[in-house]
Amino acid sequence: MYKHKIETLTEQYQESEKVKKDAETKASKVTSHFRVLQNTVKCMGQKWGDEKEELVKSHKEMHATLIRELNAERQALDISWLFTISLHILHELVLPDLVAV
């Protein structure tokens, strides 16, 4: 019974690590795309004049929003992982002692 629960916890951990890695990859891509956009805007800014300021502001806001969302997702995964570890410790260390008594 405990072996099955431990296997389930291990699978959940592996899934959360995959999602966490995907979130980190997304954050990296967002940052990279933002830098490319920022450089493009700087190059074209001389032609656009005042529109450049609006575009840069818009992209910065979009970037900040995406990063906040990705950080929230990552934080949720970290909390989930801490809960999973707590359950694992409970099943591995505490329950066998209780059963033995």
PDB file of N, CA and C in Angstrom:
ATOM      1  N   MET A   1       0.819  -1.191   0.000  1.00  0.00           N
ATOM      2  CA  MET A   1       0.000   0.000   0.000  1.00  0.00           C
ATOM      3  C   MET A   1       0.868   1.263   0.000  1.00  0.00           C
ATOM      4  N   TYR A   2       1.882   1.278   0.872  1.00  0.00           N
ATOM      5  CA  TYR A   2       2.751   2.449   0.936  1.00  0.00           C
ATOM      6  C   TYR A   2       3.610   2.559  -0.312  1.00  0.00           C
ATOM      7  N   LYS A   3       3.984   1.408  -0.865  1.00  0.00           N
ATOM      8  CA  LYS A   3       4.800   1.427  -2.077  1.00  0.00           C
ATOM      9  C   LYS A   3       4.035   2.115  -3.204  1.00  0.00           C
ATOM     10  N   HIS A   4       2.754   1.821  -3.323  1.00  0.00           N
ATOM     11  CA  HIS A   4       1.929   2.455  -4.355  1.00  0.00           C
ATOM     12  C   HIS A   4       1.837   3.969  -4.124  1.00  0.00           C
ATOM     13  N   LYS A   5       1.667   4.372  -2.868  1.00  0.00           N
ATOM     14  CA  LYS A   5       1.577   5.803  -2.555  1.00  0.00           C
ATOM     15  C   LYS A   5       2.891   6.509  -2.862  1.00  0.00           C
ATOM     16  N   ILE A   6       3.991   5.858  -2.535  1.00  0.00           N
ATOM     17  CA  ILE A   6       5.306   6.442  -2.816  1.00  0.00           C
ATOM     18  C   ILE A   6       5.509   6.563  -4.322  1.00  0.00           C
ATOM     19  N   GLU A   7       5.104   5.542  -5.069  1.00  0.00           N
ATOM     20  CA  GLU A   7       5.212   5.612  -6.528  1.00  0.00           C
ATOM     21  C   GLU A   7       4.359   6.749  -7.077  1.00  0.00           C
ATOM     22  N   THR A   8       3.166   6.917  -6.519  1.00  0.00           N
ATOM     23  CA  THR A   8       2.284   8.010  -6.945  1.00  0.00           C
ATOM     24  C   THR A   8       2.928   9.355  -6.648  1.00  0.00           C
ATOM     25  N   LEU A   9       3.499   9.493  -5.453  1.00  0.00           N
ATOM     26  CA  LEU A   9       4.170  10.743  -5.085  1.00  0.00           C
ATOM     27  C   LEU A   9       5.358  11.017  -5.996  1.00  0.00           C
ATOM     28  N   THR A  10       6.092   9.972  -6.329  1.00  0.00           N
ATOM     29  CA  THR A  10       7.229  10.128  -7.231  1.00  0.00           C
ATOM     30  C   THR A  10       6.765  10.597  -8.604  1.00  0.00           C
ATOM     31  N   GLU A  11       5.692  10.016  -9.104  1.00  0.00           N
ATOM     32  CA  GLU A  11       5.145  10.438 -10.397  1.00  0.00           C
ATOM     33  C   GLU A  11       4.681  11.892 -10.346  1.00  0.00           C
ATOM     34  N   GLN A  12       4.033  12.273  -9.242  1.00  0.00           N
ATOM     35  CA  GLN A  12       3.575  13.658  -9.094  1.00  0.00           C
ATOM     36  C   GLN A  12       4.762  14.615  -9.068  1.00  0.00           C
ATOM     37  N   TYR A  13       5.824  14.202  -8.382  1.00  0.00           N
ATOM     38  CA  TYR A  13       7.017  15.041  -8.332  1.00  0.00           C
ATOM     39  C   TYR A  13       7.617  15.203  -9.723  1.00  0.00           C
ATOM     40  N   GLN A  14       7.732  14.104 -10.451  1.00  0.00           N
ATOM     41  CA  GLN A  14       8.302  14.169 -11.795  1.00  0.00           C
ATOM     42  C   GLN A  14       7.462  15.063 -12.700  1.00  0.00           C
ATOM     43  N   GLU A  15       6.147  14.983 -12.574  1.00  0.00           N
ATOM     44  CA  GLU A  15       5.258  15.832 -13.369  1.00  0.00           C
ATOM     45  C   GLU A  15       5.434  17.302 -12.979  1.00  0.00           C
ATOM     46  N   SER A  16       5.535  17.566 -11.670  1.00  0.00           N
ATOM     47  CA  SER A  16       5.704  18.958 -11.235  1.00  0.00           C
ATOM     48  C   SER A  16       7.053  19.508 -11.690  1.00  0.00           C
ATOM     49  N   GLU A  17       8.076  18.680 -11.699  1.00  0.00           N
ATOM     50  CA  GLU A  17       9.384  19.117 -12.195  1.00  0.00           C
ATOM     51  C   GLU A  17       9.317  19.443 -13.689  1.00  0.00           C
ATOM     52  N   LYS A  18       8.567  18.631 -14.441  1.00  0.00           N
ATOM     53  CA  LYS A  18       8.412  18.884 -15.875  1.00  0.00           C
ATOM     54  C   LYS A  18       7.695  20.214 -16.100  1.00  0.00           C
ATOM     55  N   VAL A  19       6.619  20.442 -15.353  1.00  0.00           N
ATOM     56  CA  VAL A  19       5.869  21.696 -15.490  1.00  0.00           C
ATOM     57  C   VAL A  19       6.745  22.878 -15.072  1.00  0.00           C
ATOM     58  N   LYS A  20       7.518  22.692 -14.006  1.00  0.00           N
ATOM     59  CA  LYS A  20       8.407  23.755 -13.531  1.00  0.00           C
ATOM     60  C   LYS A  20       9.455  24.081 -14.595  1.00  0.00           C
ATOM     61  N   LYS A  21      10.021  23.044 -15.207  1.00  0.00           N
ATOM     62  CA  LYS A  21      11.020  23.261 -16.250  1.00  0.00           C
ATOM     63  C   LYS A  21      10.385  23.963 -17.452  1.00  0.00           C
ATOM     64  N   ASP A  22       9.159  23.567 -17.808  1.00  0.00           N
ATOM     65  CA  ASP A  22       8.447  24.232 -18.901  1.00  0.00           C
ATOM     66  C   ASP A  22       8.230  25.708 -18.583  1.00  0.00           C
ATOM     67  N   ALA A  23       7.881  26.009 -17.338  1.00  0.00           N
ATOM     68  CA  ALA A  23       7.664  27.402 -16.927  1.00  0.00           C
ATOM     69  C   ALA A  23       8.961  28.200 -17.029  1.00  0.00           C
ATOM     70  N   GLU A  24      10.076  27.584 -16.623  1.00  0.00           N
ATOM     71  CA  GLU A  24      11.369  28.262 -16.728  1.00  0.00           C
ATOM     72  C   GLU A  24      11.740  28.498 -18.186  1.00  0.00           C
ATOM     73  N   THR A  25      11.453  27.518 -19.049  1.00  0.00           N
ATOM     74  CA  THR A  25      11.721  27.671 -20.477  1.00  0.00           C
ATOM     75  C   THR A  25      10.875  28.794 -21.059  1.00  0.00           C
ATOM     76  N   LYS A  26       9.591  28.833 -20.670  1.00  0.00           N
ATOM     77  CA  LYS A  26       8.712  29.909 -21.148  1.00  0.00           C
ATOM     78  C   LYS A  26       9.238  31.265 -20.704  1.00  0.00           C
ATOM     79  N   ALA A  27       9.659  31.356 -19.447  1.00  0.00           N
ATOM     80  CA  ALA A  27      10.172  32.629 -18.930  1.00  0.00           C
ATOM     81  C   ALA A  27      11.407  33.062 -19.703  1.00  0.00           C
ATOM     82  N   SER A  28      12.280  32.112 -20.004  1.00  0.00           N
ATOM     83  CA  SER A  28      13.486  32.413 -20.768  1.00  0.00           C
ATOM     84  C   SER A  28      13.137  32.891 -22.174  1.00  0.00           C
ATOM     85  N   LYS A  29      12.181  32.214 -22.814  1.00  0.00           N
ATOM     86  CA  LYS A  29      11.764  32.608 -24.160  1.00  0.00           C
ATOM     87  C   LYS A  29      11.113  33.986 -24.157  1.00  0.00           C
ATOM     88  N   VAL A  30      10.280  34.244 -23.144  1.00  0.00           N
ATOM     89  CA  VAL A  30       9.618  35.551 -23.053  1.00  0.00           C
ATOM     90  C   VAL A  30      10.663  36.649 -22.919  1.00  0.00           C
ATOM     91  N   THR A  31      11.650  36.432 -22.054  1.00  0.00           N
ATOM     92  CA  THR A  31      12.700  37.426 -21.863  1.00  0.00           C
ATOM     93  C   THR A  31      13.481  37.635 -23.153  1.00  0.00           C
ATOM     94  N   SER A  32      13.797  36.548 -23.842  1.00  0.00           N
ATOM     95  CA  SER A  32      14.524  36.638 -25.109  1.00  0.00           C
ATOM     96  C   SER A  32      13.719  37.400 -26.156  1.00  0.00           C
ATOM     97  N   HIS A  33      12.439  37.062 -26.295  1.00  0.00           N
ATOM     98  CA  HIS A  33      11.588  37.757 -27.269  1.00  0.00           C
ATOM     99  C   HIS A  33      11.457  39.239 -26.924  1.00  0.00           C
ATOM    100  N   PHE A  34      11.363  39.529 -25.638  1.00  0.00           N
ATOM    101  CA  PHE A  34      11.247  40.920 -25.220  1.00  0.00           C
ATOM    102  C   PHE A  34      12.495  41.698 -25.620  1.00  0.00           C
ATOM    103  N   ARG A  35      13.664  41.112 -25.438  1.00  0.00           N
ATOM    104  CA  ARG A  35      14.907  41.807 -25.810  1.00  0.00           C
ATOM    105  C   ARG A  35      14.973  42.052 -27.314  1.00  0.00           C
ATOM    106  N   VAL A  36      14.551  41.068 -28.092  1.00  0.00           N
ATOM    107  CA  VAL A  36      14.530  41.243 -29.549  1.00  0.00           C
ATOM    108  C   VAL A  36      13.574  42.374 -29.923  1.00  0.00           C
ATOM    109  N   LEU A  37      12.386  42.358 -29.334  1.00  0.00           N
ATOM    110  CA  LEU A  37      11.414  43.424 -29.609  1.00  0.00           C
ATOM    111  C   LEU A  37      11.953  44.786 -29.186  1.00  0.00           C
ATOM    112  N   GLN A  38      12.591  44.820 -28.049  1.00  0.00           N
ATOM    113  CA  GLN A  38      13.130  46.079 -27.546  1.00  0.00           C
ATOM    114  C   GLN A  38      14.205  46.617 -28.495  1.00  0.00           C
ATOM    115  N   ASN A  39      15.080  45.740 -28.974  1.00  0.00           N
ATOM    116  CA  ASN A  39      16.115  46.165 -29.918  1.00  0.00           C
ATOM    117  C   ASN A  39      15.511  46.632 -31.234  1.00  0.00           C
ATOM    118  N   THR A  40      14.483  45.929 -31.700  1.00  0.00           N
ATOM    119  CA  THR A  40      13.805  46.326 -32.936  1.00  0.00           C
ATOM    120  C   THR A  40      13.179  47.701 -32.779  1.00  0.00           C
ATOM    121  N   VAL A  41      12.535  47.909 -31.650  1.00  0.00           N
ATOM    122  CA  VAL A  41      11.897  49.205 -31.399  1.00  0.00           C
ATOM    123  C   VAL A  41      12.947  50.312 -31.336  1.00  0.00           C
ATOM    124  N   LYS A  42      14.075  50.025 -30.712  1.00  0.00           N
ATOM    125  CA  LYS A  42      15.136  51.033 -30.642  1.00  0.00           C
ATOM    126  C   LYS A  42      15.620  51.403 -32.040  1.00  0.00           C
ATOM    127  N   CYS A  43      15.798  50.388 -32.893  1.00  0.00           N
ATOM    128  CA  CYS A  43      16.267  50.648 -34.257  1.00  0.00           C
ATOM    129  C   CYS A  43      15.242  51.444 -35.065  1.00  0.00           C
ATOM    130  N   MET A  44      13.988  51.108 -34.893  1.00  0.00           N
ATOM    131  CA  MET A  44      12.943  51.760 -35.675  1.00  0.00           C
ATOM    132  C   MET A  44      12.427  53.026 -34.998  1.00  0.00           C
ATOM    133  N   GLY A  45      12.854  53.248 -33.777  1.00  0.00           N
ATOM    134  CA  GLY A  45      12.356  54.373 -32.998  1.00  0.00           C
ATOM    135  C   GLY A  45      12.580  55.722 -33.641  1.00  0.00           C
ATOM    136  N   GLN A  46      13.660  55.863 -34.365  1.00  0.00           N
ATOM    137  CA  GLN A  46      13.933  57.142 -35.012  1.00  0.00           C
ATOM    138  C   GLN A  46      12.849  57.472 -36.032  1.00  0.00           C
ATOM    139  N   LYS A  47      12.300  56.454 -36.670  1.00  0.00           N
ATOM    140  CA  LYS A  47      11.259  56.670 -37.670  1.00  0.00           C
ATOM    141  C   LYS A  47       9.901  56.895 -37.010  1.00  0.00           C
ATOM    142  N   TRP A  48       9.701  56.260 -35.886  1.00  0.00           N
ATOM    143  CA  TRP A  48       8.381  56.285 -35.276  1.00  0.00           C
ATOM    144  C   TRP A  48       8.151  57.469 -34.352  1.00  0.00           C
ATOM    145  N   GLY A  49       9.203  58.052 -33.852  1.00  0.00           N
ATOM    146  CA  GLY A  49       9.057  59.193 -32.948  1.00  0.00           C
ATOM    147  C   GLY A  49       8.341  58.827 -31.662  1.00  0.00           C
ATOM    148  N   ASP A  50       7.227  59.467 -31.405  1.00  0.00           N
ATOM    149  CA  ASP A  50       6.483  59.273 -30.152  1.00  0.00           C
ATOM    150  C   ASP A  50       5.895  57.877 -30.023  1.00  0.00           C
ATOM    151  N   GLU A  51       5.602  57.230 -31.137  1.00  0.00           N
ATOM    152  CA  GLU A  51       5.020  55.886 -31.079  1.00  0.00           C
ATOM    153  C   GLU A  51       5.974  54.896 -30.422  1.00  0.00           C
ATOM    154  N   LYS A  52       7.247  55.177 -30.528  1.00  0.00           N
ATOM    155  CA  LYS A  52       8.248  54.297 -29.923  1.00  0.00           C
ATOM    156  C   LYS A  52       8.014  54.177 -28.418  1.00  0.00           C
ATOM    157  N   GLU A  53       7.793  55.290 -27.767  1.00  0.00           N
ATOM    158  CA  GLU A  53       7.585  55.287 -26.320  1.00  0.00           C
ATOM    159  C   GLU A  53       6.392  54.413 -25.932  1.00  0.00           C
ATOM    160  N   GLU A  54       5.298  54.559 -26.660  1.00  0.00           N
ATOM    161  CA  GLU A  54       4.097  53.770 -26.381  1.00  0.00           C
ATOM    162  C   GLU A  54       4.355  52.284 -26.585  1.00  0.00           C
ATOM    163  N   LEU A  55       5.050  51.960 -27.668  1.00  0.00           N
ATOM    164  CA  LEU A  55       5.323  50.560 -27.975  1.00  0.00           C
ATOM    165  C   LEU A  55       6.230  49.935 -26.918  1.00  0.00           C
ATOM    166  N   VAL A  56       7.272  50.636 -26.532  1.00  0.00           N
ATOM    167  CA  VAL A  56       8.180  50.123 -25.500  1.00  0.00           C
ATOM    168  C   VAL A  56       7.416  49.924 -24.190  1.00  0.00           C
ATOM    169  N   LYS A  57       6.599  50.891 -23.822  1.00  0.00           N
ATOM    170  CA  LYS A  57       5.814  50.790 -22.589  1.00  0.00           C
ATOM    171  C   LYS A  57       4.878  49.586 -22.643  1.00  0.00           C
ATOM    172  N   SER A  58       4.225  49.405 -23.777  1.00  0.00           N
ATOM    173  CA  SER A  58       3.302  48.285 -23.950  1.00  0.00           C
ATOM    174  C   SER A  58       4.025  46.945 -23.816  1.00  0.00           C
ATOM    175  N   HIS A  59       5.181  46.828 -24.458  1.00  0.00           N
ATOM    176  CA  HIS A  59       5.938  45.574 -24.394  1.00  0.00           C
ATOM    177  C   HIS A  59       6.478  45.325 -22.987  1.00  0.00           C
ATOM    178  N   LYS A  60       6.881  46.370 -22.300  1.00  0.00           N
ATOM    179  CA  LYS A  60       7.364  46.204 -20.925  1.00  0.00           C
ATOM    180  C   LYS A  60       6.237  45.712 -20.019  1.00  0.00           C
ATOM    181  N   GLU A  61       5.045  46.270 -20.188  1.00  0.00           N
ATOM    182  CA  GLU A  61       3.902  45.838 -19.386  1.00  0.00           C
ATOM    183  C   GLU A  61       3.551  44.382 -19.681  1.00  0.00           C
ATOM    184  N   MET A  62       3.569  44.025 -20.966  1.00  0.00           N
ATOM    185  CA  MET A  62       3.269  42.647 -21.352  1.00  0.00           C
ATOM    186  C   MET A  62       4.308  41.694 -20.755  1.00  0.00           C
ATOM    187  N   HIS A  63       5.565  42.070 -20.840  1.00  0.00           N
ATOM    188  CA  HIS A  63       6.648  41.255 -20.312  1.00  0.00           C
ATOM    189  C   HIS A  63       6.493  41.090 -18.801  1.00  0.00           C
ATOM    190  N   ALA A  64       6.227  42.171 -18.100  1.00  0.00           N
ATOM    191  CA  ALA A  64       6.068  42.112 -16.643  1.00  0.00           C
ATOM    192  C   ALA A  64       4.891  41.214 -16.255  1.00  0.00           C
ATOM    193  N   THR A  65       3.806  41.301 -16.994  1.00  0.00           N
ATOM    194  CA  THR A  65       2.634  40.469 -16.717  1.00  0.00           C
ATOM    195  C   THR A  65       2.959  38.992 -16.911  1.00  0.00           C
ATOM    196  N   LEU A  66       3.619  38.666 -18.002  1.00  0.00           N
ATOM    197  CA  LEU A  66       3.978  37.269 -18.268  1.00  0.00           C
ATOM    198  C   LEU A  66       4.921  36.729 -17.199  1.00  0.00           C
ATOM    199  N   ILE A  67       5.888  37.517 -16.800  1.00  0.00           N
ATOM    200  CA  ILE A  67       6.833  37.080 -15.773  1.00  0.00           C
ATOM    201  C   ILE A  67       6.102  36.861 -14.444  1.00  0.00           C
ATOM    202  N   ARG A  68       5.178  37.764 -14.088  1.00  0.00           N
ATOM    203  CA  ARG A  68       4.401  37.583 -12.850  1.00  0.00           C
ATOM    204  C   ARG A  68       3.608  36.281 -12.896  1.00  0.00           C
ATOM    205  N   GLU A  69       2.982  36.008 -14.040  1.00  0.00           N
ATOM    206  CA  GLU A  69       2.194  34.782 -14.172  1.00  0.00           C
ATOM    207  C   GLU A  69       3.078  33.547 -14.067  1.00  0.00           C
ATOM    208  N   LEU A  70       4.235  33.587 -14.715  1.00  0.00           N
ATOM    209  CA  LEU A  70       5.142  32.441 -14.662  1.00  0.00           C
ATOM    210  C   LEU A  70       5.704  32.252 -13.252  1.00  0.00           C
ATOM    211  N   ASN A  71       6.010  33.341 -12.564  1.00  0.00           N
ATOM    212  CA  ASN A  71       6.504  33.235 -11.187  1.00  0.00           C
ATOM    213  C   ASN A  71       5.433  32.668 -10.264  1.00  0.00           C
ATOM    214  N   ALA A  72       4.186  33.063 -10.475  1.00  0.00           N
ATOM    215  CA  ALA A  72       3.086  32.522  -9.665  1.00  0.00           C
ATOM    216  C   ALA A  72       2.942  31.023  -9.910  1.00  0.00           C
ATOM    217  N   GLU A  73       3.067  30.622 -11.178  1.00  0.00           N
ATOM    218  CA  GLU A  73       2.981  29.197 -11.518  1.00  0.00           C
ATOM    219  C   GLU A  73       4.120  28.429 -10.857  1.00  0.00           C
ATOM    220  N   ARG A  74       5.309  28.993 -10.898  1.00  0.00           N
ATOM    221  CA  ARG A  74       6.472  28.345 -10.302  1.00  0.00           C
ATOM    222  C   ARG A  74       6.311  28.243  -8.786  1.00  0.00           C
ATOM    223  N   GLN A  75       5.819  29.308  -8.145  1.00  0.00           N
ATOM    224  CA  GLN A  75       5.608  29.298  -6.700  1.00  0.00           C
ATOM    225  C   GLN A  75       4.586  28.229  -6.308  1.00  0.00           C
ATOM    226  N   ALA A  76       3.536  28.105  -7.092  1.00  0.00           N
ATOM    227  CA  ALA A  76       2.529  27.075  -6.815  1.00  0.00           C
ATOM    228  C   ALA A  76       3.145  25.684  -6.912  1.00  0.00           C
ATOM    229  N   LEU A  77       4.022  25.485  -7.882  1.00  0.00           N
ATOM    230  CA  LEU A  77       4.686  24.187  -8.019  1.00  0.00           C
ATOM    231  C   LEU A  77       5.613  23.918  -6.837  1.00  0.00           C
ATOM    232  N   ASP A  78       6.319  24.957  -6.371  1.00  0.00           N
ATOM    233  CA  ASP A  78       7.198  24.788  -5.216  1.00  0.00           C
ATOM    234  C   ASP A  78       6.398  24.394  -3.981  1.00  0.00           C
ATOM    235  N   ILE A  79       5.247  25.035  -3.770  1.00  0.00           N
ATOM    236  CA  ILE A  79       4.391  24.708  -2.630  1.00  0.00           C
ATOM    237  C   ILE A  79       3.875  23.277  -2.761  1.00  0.00           C
ATOM    238  N   SER A  80       3.476  22.910  -3.969  1.00  0.00           N
ATOM    239  CA  SER A  80       2.992  21.554  -4.220  1.00  0.00           C
ATOM    240  C   SER A  80       4.095  20.536  -3.916  1.00  0.00           C
ATOM    241  N   TRP A  81       5.306  20.861  -4.321  1.00  0.00           N
ATOM    242  CA  TRP A  81       6.414  19.943  -4.090  1.00  0.00           C
ATOM    243  C   TRP A  81       6.698  19.814  -2.590  1.00  0.00           C
ATOM    244  N   LEU A  82       6.645  20.907  -1.833  1.00  0.00           N
ATOM    245  CA  LEU A  82       6.847  20.838  -0.383  1.00  0.00           C
ATOM    246  C   LEU A  82       5.787  19.958   0.269  1.00  0.00           C
ATOM    247  N   PHE A  83       4.554  20.082  -0.186  1.00  0.00           N
ATOM    248  CA  PHE A  83       3.475  19.241   0.330  1.00  0.00           C
ATOM    249  C   PHE A  83       3.753  17.775   0.007  1.00  0.00           C
ATOM    250  N   THR A  84       4.200  17.509  -1.207  1.00  0.00           N
ATOM    251  CA  THR A  84       4.507  16.139  -1.625  1.00  0.00           C
ATOM    252  C   THR A  84       5.627  15.554  -0.770  1.00  0.00           C
ATOM    253  N   ILE A  85       6.664  16.333  -0.523  1.00  0.00           N
ATOM    254  CA  ILE A  85       7.779  15.878   0.317  1.00  0.00           C
ATOM    255  C   ILE A  85       7.275  15.583   1.734  1.00  0.00           C
ATOM    256  N   SER A  86       6.407  16.449   2.258  1.00  0.00           N
ATOM    257  CA  SER A  86       5.855  16.228   3.601  1.00  0.00           C
ATOM    258  C   SER A  86       5.090  14.912   3.662  1.00  0.00           C
ATOM    259  N   LEU A  87       4.292  14.648   2.637  1.00  0.00           N
ATOM    260  CA  LEU A  87       3.559  13.378   2.590  1.00  0.00           C
ATOM    261  C   LEU A  87       4.519  12.197   2.512  1.00  0.00           C
ATOM    262  N   HIS A  88       5.550  12.349   1.726  1.00  0.00           N
ATOM    263  CA  HIS A  88       6.542  11.290   1.577  1.00  0.00           C
ATOM    264  C   HIS A  88       7.201  11.000   2.931  1.00  0.00           C
ATOM    265  N   ILE A  89       7.586  12.038   3.640  1.00  0.00           N
ATOM    266  CA  ILE A  89       8.212  11.867   4.956  1.00  0.00           C
ATOM    267  C   ILE A  89       7.233  11.200   5.918  1.00  0.00           C
ATOM    268  N   LEU A  90       5.992  11.641   5.881  1.00  0.00           N
ATOM    269  CA  LEU A  90       4.967  11.039   6.738  1.00  0.00           C
ATOM    270  C   LEU A  90       4.847   9.546   6.466  1.00  0.00           C
ATOM    271  N   HIS A  91       4.763   9.164   5.205  1.00  0.00           N
ATOM    272  CA  HIS A  91       4.599   7.752   4.847  1.00  0.00           C
ATOM    273  C   HIS A  91       5.855   6.934   5.128  1.00  0.00           C
ATOM    274  N   GLU A  92       7.009   7.518   4.912  1.00  0.00           N
ATOM    275  CA  GLU A  92       8.256   6.782   5.080  1.00  0.00           C
ATOM    276  C   GLU A  92       8.701   6.666   6.538  1.00  0.00           C
ATOM    277  N   LEU A  93       8.562   7.750   7.290  1.00  0.00           N
ATOM    278  CA  LEU A  93       9.156   7.780   8.619  1.00  0.00           C
ATOM    279  C   LEU A  93       8.155   7.638   9.760  1.00  0.00           C
ATOM    280  N   VAL A  94       7.028   8.298   9.657  1.00  0.00           N
ATOM    281  CA  VAL A  94       6.099   8.345  10.784  1.00  0.00           C
ATOM    282  C   VAL A  94       5.178   7.132  10.814  1.00  0.00           C
ATOM    283  N   LEU A  95       4.546   6.824   9.712  1.00  0.00           N
ATOM    284  CA  LEU A  95       3.569   5.734   9.691  1.00  0.00           C
ATOM    285  C   LEU A  95       4.165   4.372  10.045  1.00  0.00           C
ATOM    286  N   PRO A  96       5.348   4.012   9.557  1.00  0.00           N
ATOM    287  CA  PRO A  96       5.897   2.708   9.964  1.00  0.00           C
ATOM    288  C   PRO A  96       6.096   2.606  11.482  1.00  0.00           C
ATOM    289  N   ASP A  97       6.486   3.717  12.130  1.00  0.00           N
ATOM    290  CA  ASP A  97       6.652   3.709  13.587  1.00  0.00           C
ATOM    291  C   ASP A  97       5.307   3.552  14.283  1.00  0.00           C
ATOM    292  N   LEU A  98       4.280   4.189  13.752  1.00  0.00           N
ATOM    293  CA  LEU A  98       2.946   4.071  14.346  1.00  0.00           C
ATOM    294  C   LEU A  98       2.398   2.655  14.196  1.00  0.00           C
ATOM    295  N   VAL A  99       2.646   2.041  13.052  1.00  0.00           N
ATOM    296  CA  VAL A  99       2.180   0.675  12.812  1.00  0.00           C
ATOM    297  C   VAL A  99       2.921  -0.294  13.721  1.00  0.00           C
ATOM    298  N   ALA A 100       4.198  -0.036  13.961  1.00  0.00           N
ATOM    299  CA  ALA A 100       5.010  -0.912  14.802  1.00  0.00           C
ATOM    300  C   ALA A 100       4.546  -0.876  16.258  1.00  0.00           C
ATOM    301  N   VAL A 101       3.997   0.237  16.695  1.00  0.00           N
ATOM    302  CA  VAL A 101       3.538   0.380  18.086  1.00  0.00           C
ATOM    303  C   VAL A 101       2.232  -0.324  18.202  1.00  0.00           C
TER     304      VAL A 101
END
